[in-house]
Amino acid sequence: MPNGNNASPNTSPDATQDLVISRLLKAPRAKVWRAWSDPELLRQWWCPKPWTTEVRAFDMRPGGAFHTFMQGPDGGTSDNPGCFLEVVPMERIVSTSALVAGYRPAKPWLSMTAVITMADEGDGTRYTARVMHPDEATRKQHEELGFHEGWNTCITQLEEFAAQLK
């Protein structure tokens, strides 16, 4: 039953289904947000270099499309259509691969929901990425695919990119 307020649902981490990275970035939150919320900027740091990102759809609102296509120097690709679920400017971005634009069900190769939060901490930004999976097996699969290395590389690229923004 609804509780009458607009609070987000409980999103406490579940160690059996979630992967979490929390880092203090040496860049102000406004610049981190800008790097995240502008698709032209996002494509410049989104995937581990030397891979490149094409932003195929970016409608940053609940139900809006979020589709990136990544290509590696060896010809490998990763097509990632999805949907934004929640956007709280300068604070929180929630997206999923389980749905595409308009909340249409998807058939993702790896089902997940990402909760990205940003908060001021000292002169920097506390950046937390929590990736939720439908079950422990999917979480393990994502971890074995290099979640920590890949996402940490991207977060470092985000930090360096955001720090140099004017």
C-alpha atoms as a PDB file:
ATOM      1  CA  MET A   1       0.000   0.000   0.000  1.00  0.00           C
ATOM      2  CA  PRO A   2       1.431   3.462  -0.847  1.00  0.00           C
ATOM      3  CA  ASN A   3       2.687   5.405   2.132  1.00  0.00           C
ATOM      4  CA  GLY A   4       1.599   8.787   0.788  1.00  0.00           C
ATOM      5  CA  ASN A   5       5.062  10.272   0.294  1.00  0.00           C
ATOM      6  CA  ASN A   6       7.414  10.438  -2.646  1.00  0.00           C
ATOM      7  CA  ALA A   7      10.349   8.719  -0.961  1.00  0.00           C
ATOM      8  CA  SER A   8      12.365   6.250  -3.005  1.00  0.00           C
ATOM      9  CA  PRO A   9      11.832   2.585  -2.213  1.00  0.00           C
ATOM     10  CA  ASN A  10      14.238   0.884   0.160  1.00  0.00           C
ATOM     11  CA  THR A  11      17.408   0.282  -1.799  1.00  0.00           C
ATOM     12  CA  SER A  12      19.644  -1.202   0.871  1.00  0.00           C
ATOM     13  CA  PRO A  13      22.426  -3.314  -0.667  1.00  0.00           C
ATOM     14  CA  ASP A  14      21.993  -7.081  -0.813  1.00  0.00           C
ATOM     15  CA  ALA A  15      25.406  -8.780  -0.850  1.00  0.00           C
ATOM     16  CA  THR A  16      24.041 -11.802  -2.706  1.00  0.00           C
ATOM     17  CA  GLN A  17      22.639  -9.782  -5.623  1.00  0.00           C
ATOM     18  CA  ASP A  18      24.451  -6.424  -5.698  1.00  0.00           C
ATOM     19  CA  LEU A  19      27.861  -5.123  -6.694  1.00  0.00           C
ATOM     20  CA  VAL A  20      28.868  -1.786  -5.151  1.00  0.00           C
ATOM     21  CA  ILE A  21      31.675   0.690  -5.731  1.00  0.00           C
ATOM     22  CA  SER A  22      31.917   3.860  -3.656  1.00  0.00           C
ATOM     23  CA  ARG A  23      34.711   6.335  -4.286  1.00  0.00           C
ATOM     24  CA  LEU A  24      35.616   9.902  -3.422  1.00  0.00           C
ATOM     25  CA  LEU A  25      36.214  11.711  -6.721  1.00  0.00           C
ATOM     26  CA  LYS A  26      38.488  14.737  -6.935  1.00  0.00           C
ATOM     27  CA  ALA A  27      35.949  16.748  -8.905  1.00  0.00           C
ATOM     28  CA  PRO A  28      33.004  18.910  -7.823  1.00  0.00           C
ATOM     29  CA  ARG A  29      29.581  17.303  -7.964  1.00  0.00           C
ATOM     30  CA  ALA A  30      28.292  19.864 -10.514  1.00  0.00           C
ATOM     31  CA  LYS A  31      30.995  18.773 -12.967  1.00  0.00           C
ATOM     32  CA  VAL A  32      30.445  15.057 -12.291  1.00  0.00           C
ATOM     33  CA  TRP A  33      26.723  15.572 -12.903  1.00  0.00           C
ATOM     34  CA  ARG A  34      27.410  17.514 -16.099  1.00  0.00           C
ATOM     35  CA  ALA A  35      29.702  14.754 -17.415  1.00  0.00           C
ATOM     36  CA  TRP A  36      26.981  12.212 -16.658  1.00  0.00           C
ATOM     37  CA  SER A  37      23.933  14.146 -17.875  1.00  0.00           C
ATOM     38  CA  ASP A  38      25.169  15.409 -21.252  1.00  0.00           C
ATOM     39  CA  PRO A  39      25.297  12.555 -23.808  1.00  0.00           C
ATOM     40  CA  GLU A  40      28.081  14.256 -25.787  1.00  0.00           C
ATOM     41  CA  LEU A  41      30.210  14.334 -22.625  1.00  0.00           C
ATOM     42  CA  LEU A  42      29.112  10.884 -21.423  1.00  0.00           C
ATOM     43  CA  ARG A  43      30.397   9.180 -24.566  1.00  0.00           C
ATOM     44  CA  GLN A  44      33.898  10.537 -23.854  1.00  0.00           C
ATOM     45  CA  TRP A  45      34.383   8.639 -20.573  1.00  0.00           C
ATOM     46  CA  TRP A  46      31.667   5.944 -20.472  1.00  0.00           C
ATOM     47  CA  CYS A  47      33.590   2.777 -21.336  1.00  0.00           C
ATOM     48  CA  PRO A  48      37.178   1.686 -20.649  1.00  0.00           C
ATOM     49  CA  LYS A  49      39.527   3.107 -23.269  1.00  0.00           C
ATOM     50  CA  PRO A  50      40.505   2.204 -25.945  1.00  0.00           C
ATOM     51  CA  TRP A  51      36.854   1.153 -26.357  1.00  0.00           C
ATOM     52  CA  THR A  52      34.552   3.871 -27.691  1.00  0.00           C
ATOM     53  CA  THR A  53      30.924   4.703 -26.926  1.00  0.00           C
ATOM     54  CA  GLU A  54      28.123   5.731 -29.224  1.00  0.00           C
ATOM     55  CA  VAL A  55      25.127   7.161 -27.361  1.00  0.00           C
ATOM     56  CA  ARG A  56      22.177   5.924 -29.400  1.00  0.00           C
ATOM     57  CA  ALA A  57      19.427   7.258 -27.123  1.00  0.00           C
ATOM     58  CA  PHE A  58      19.528   9.495 -24.071  1.00  0.00           C
ATOM     59  CA  ASP A  59      16.226  10.808 -22.717  1.00  0.00           C
ATOM     60  CA  MET A  60      17.149  11.495 -19.101  1.00  0.00           C
ATOM     61  CA  ARG A  61      13.763  11.243 -17.418  1.00  0.00           C
ATOM     62  CA  PRO A  62      11.800   8.380 -15.873  1.00  0.00           C
ATOM     63  CA  GLY A  63      10.780   6.082 -18.717  1.00  0.00           C
ATOM     64  CA  GLY A  64      13.244   7.710 -21.111  1.00  0.00           C
ATOM     65  CA  ALA A  65      15.571   5.655 -23.290  1.00  0.00           C
ATOM     66  CA  PHE A  66      19.214   5.147 -22.263  1.00  0.00           C
ATOM     67  CA  HIS A  67      21.059   3.238 -24.975  1.00  0.00           C
ATOM     68  CA  THR A  68      24.822   3.000 -25.369  1.00  0.00           C
ATOM     69  CA  PHE A  69      26.734   0.976 -27.922  1.00  0.00           C
ATOM     70  CA  MET A  70      30.396   0.264 -27.216  1.00  0.00           C
ATOM     71  CA  GLN A  71      33.036  -0.924 -29.649  1.00  0.00           C
ATOM     72  CA  GLY A  72      36.500  -2.262 -28.940  1.00  0.00           C
ATOM     73  CA  PRO A  73      39.647  -1.904 -31.021  1.00  0.00           C
ATOM     74  CA  ASP A  74      39.506  -5.647 -31.778  1.00  0.00           C
ATOM     75  CA  GLY A  75      35.995  -5.347 -33.234  1.00  0.00           C
ATOM     76  CA  GLY A  76      34.195  -6.511 -30.095  1.00  0.00           C
ATOM     77  CA  THR A  77      30.910  -4.781 -29.315  1.00  0.00           C
ATOM     78  CA  SER A  78      28.489  -4.336 -26.442  1.00  0.00           C
ATOM     79  CA  ASP A  79      24.968  -3.102 -27.199  1.00  0.00           C
ATOM     80  CA  ASN A  80      23.209  -1.817 -24.077  1.00  0.00           C
ATOM     81  CA  PRO A  81      19.636  -0.570 -24.541  1.00  0.00           C
ATOM     82  CA  GLY A  82      17.858   0.421 -21.355  1.00  0.00           C
ATOM     83  CA  CYS A  83      15.661   2.913 -19.582  1.00  0.00           C
ATOM     84  CA  PHE A  84      16.000   5.594 -16.941  1.00  0.00           C
ATOM     85  CA  LEU A  85      13.839   4.845 -13.912  1.00  0.00           C
ATOM     86  CA  GLU A  86      14.607   7.824 -11.681  1.00  0.00           C
ATOM     87  CA  VAL A  87      16.540  11.043 -12.120  1.00  0.00           C
ATOM     88  CA  VAL A  88      17.128  13.419  -9.215  1.00  0.00           C
ATOM     89  CA  PRO A  89      19.328  16.197 -10.610  1.00  0.00           C
ATOM     90  CA  MET A  90      22.777  16.385  -9.026  1.00  0.00           C
ATOM     91  CA  GLU A  91      21.993  13.448  -6.683  1.00  0.00           C
ATOM     92  CA  ARG A  92      20.737  10.201  -8.179  1.00  0.00           C
ATOM     93  CA  ILE A  93      20.363   8.338 -11.467  1.00  0.00           C
ATOM     94  CA  VAL A  94      18.636   4.969 -11.660  1.00  0.00           C
ATOM     95  CA  SER A  95      18.638   3.019 -14.918  1.00  0.00           C
ATOM     96  CA  THR A  96      17.947  -0.552 -15.942  1.00  0.00           C
ATOM     97  CA  SER A  97      18.613  -2.980 -18.760  1.00  0.00           C
ATOM     98  CA  ALA A  98      15.379  -4.837 -17.933  1.00  0.00           C
ATOM     99  CA  LEU A  99      13.274  -2.138 -19.616  1.00  0.00           C
ATOM    100  CA  VAL A 100      13.626   0.109 -22.647  1.00  0.00           C
ATOM    101  CA  ALA A 101      11.947   3.449 -23.433  1.00  0.00           C
ATOM    102  CA  GLY A 102       8.401   3.815 -22.200  1.00  0.00           C
ATOM    103  CA  TYR A 103       8.972   1.059 -19.626  1.00  0.00           C
ATOM    104  CA  ARG A 104       8.701  -1.625 -22.318  1.00  0.00           C
ATOM    105  CA  PRO A 105      10.103  -4.994 -21.195  1.00  0.00           C
ATOM    106  CA  ALA A 106      13.485  -5.866 -22.675  1.00  0.00           C
ATOM    107  CA  LYS A 107      15.411  -9.089 -23.145  1.00  0.00           C
ATOM    108  CA  PRO A 108      18.819  -7.989 -21.870  1.00  0.00           C
ATOM    109  CA  TRP A 109      21.904 -10.141 -22.178  1.00  0.00           C
ATOM    110  CA  LEU A 110      22.633  -9.199 -18.541  1.00  0.00           C
ATOM    111  CA  SER A 111      19.724  -7.974 -16.439  1.00  0.00           C
ATOM    112  CA  MET A 112      20.649  -5.239 -13.988  1.00  0.00           C
ATOM    113  CA  THR A 113      19.548  -1.983 -12.429  1.00  0.00           C
ATOM    114  CA  ALA A 114      22.182   0.645 -11.659  1.00  0.00           C
ATOM    115  CA  VAL A 115      21.738   3.194  -8.887  1.00  0.00           C
ATOM    116  CA  ILE A 116      24.261   6.029  -9.154  1.00  0.00           C
ATOM    117  CA  THR A 117      24.434   8.542  -6.309  1.00  0.00           C
ATOM    118  CA  MET A 118      26.514  11.679  -5.957  1.00  0.00           C
ATOM    119  CA  ALA A 119      27.038  13.771  -2.825  1.00  0.00           C
ATOM    120  CA  ASP A 120      29.389  16.546  -1.809  1.00  0.00           C
ATOM    121  CA  GLU A 121      32.240  15.369   0.381  1.00  0.00           C
ATOM    122  CA  GLY A 122      34.982  17.859   1.210  1.00  0.00           C
ATOM    123  CA  ASP A 123      36.202  19.360  -2.064  1.00  0.00           C
ATOM    124  CA  GLY A 124      35.056  16.333  -4.042  1.00  0.00           C
ATOM    125  CA  THR A 125      32.147  14.068  -4.766  1.00  0.00           C
ATOM    126  CA  ARG A 126      31.188  10.815  -3.078  1.00  0.00           C
ATOM    127  CA  TYR A 127      30.214   8.686  -6.080  1.00  0.00           C
ATOM    128  CA  THR A 128      28.504   5.388  -5.434  1.00  0.00           C
ATOM    129  CA  ALA A 129      27.507   2.899  -8.101  1.00  0.00           C
ATOM    130  CA  ARG A 130      25.304   0.056  -6.930  1.00  0.00           C
ATOM    131  CA  VAL A 131      24.366  -2.510  -9.544  1.00  0.00           C
ATOM    132  CA  MET A 132      21.479  -4.794  -8.625  1.00  0.00           C
ATOM    133  CA  HIS A 133      20.914  -8.156 -10.292  1.00  0.00           C
ATOM    134  CA  PRO A 134      17.873 -10.472 -10.256  1.00  0.00           C
ATOM    135  CA  ASP A 135      19.767 -13.284  -8.558  1.00  0.00           C
ATOM    136  CA  GLU A 136      23.137 -14.362  -7.207  1.00  0.00           C
ATOM    137  CA  ALA A 137      24.095 -16.205 -10.405  1.00  0.00           C
ATOM    138  CA  THR A 138      23.683 -13.048 -12.515  1.00  0.00           C
ATOM    139  CA  ARG A 139      25.675 -11.018  -9.969  1.00  0.00           C
ATOM    140  CA  LYS A 140      28.478 -13.593 -10.107  1.00  0.00           C
ATOM    141  CA  GLN A 141      28.399 -13.581 -13.915  1.00  0.00           C
ATOM    142  CA  HIS A 142      28.731  -9.774 -13.976  1.00  0.00           C
ATOM    143  CA  GLU A 143      31.561  -9.901 -11.433  1.00  0.00           C
ATOM    144  CA  GLU A 144      33.393 -12.568 -13.462  1.00  0.00           C
ATOM    145  CA  LEU A 145      33.005 -10.448 -16.606  1.00  0.00           C
ATOM    146  CA  GLY A 146      35.195  -7.836 -14.882  1.00  0.00           C
ATOM    147  CA  PHE A 147      32.689  -5.561 -13.164  1.00  0.00           C
ATOM    148  CA  HIS A 148      35.102  -4.126 -10.600  1.00  0.00           C
ATOM    149  CA  GLU A 149      37.958  -3.528 -13.035  1.00  0.00           C
ATOM    150  CA  GLY A 150      35.741  -2.147 -15.811  1.00  0.00           C
ATOM    151  CA  TRP A 151      33.518   0.066 -13.683  1.00  0.00           C
ATOM    152  CA  ASN A 152      36.481   1.374 -11.653  1.00  0.00           C
ATOM    153  CA  THR A 153      38.292   2.234 -14.899  1.00  0.00           C
ATOM    154  CA  CYS A 154      35.225   4.160 -16.089  1.00  0.00           C
ATOM    155  CA  ILE A 155      34.848   5.948 -12.753  1.00  0.00           C
ATOM    156  CA  THR A 156      38.518   7.004 -12.935  1.00  0.00           C
ATOM    157  CA  GLN A 157      37.915   8.263 -16.472  1.00  0.00           C
ATOM    158  CA  LEU A 158      34.824  10.144 -15.219  1.00  0.00           C
ATOM    159  CA  GLU A 159      36.845  11.707 -12.391  1.00  0.00           C
ATOM    160  CA  GLU A 160      39.627  12.857 -14.723  1.00  0.00           C
ATOM    161  CA  PHE A 161      37.160  14.074 -17.361  1.00  0.00           C
ATOM    162  CA  ALA A 162      34.925  15.960 -14.893  1.00  0.00           C
ATOM    163  CA  ALA A 163      37.887  17.581 -13.134  1.00  0.00           C
ATOM    164  CA  GLN A 164      39.025  19.221 -16.393  1.00  0.00           C
ATOM    165  CA  LEU A 165      35.568  20.541 -17.405  1.00  0.00           C
ATOM    166  CA  LYS A 166      35.290  24.331 -17.437  1.00  0.00           C
END
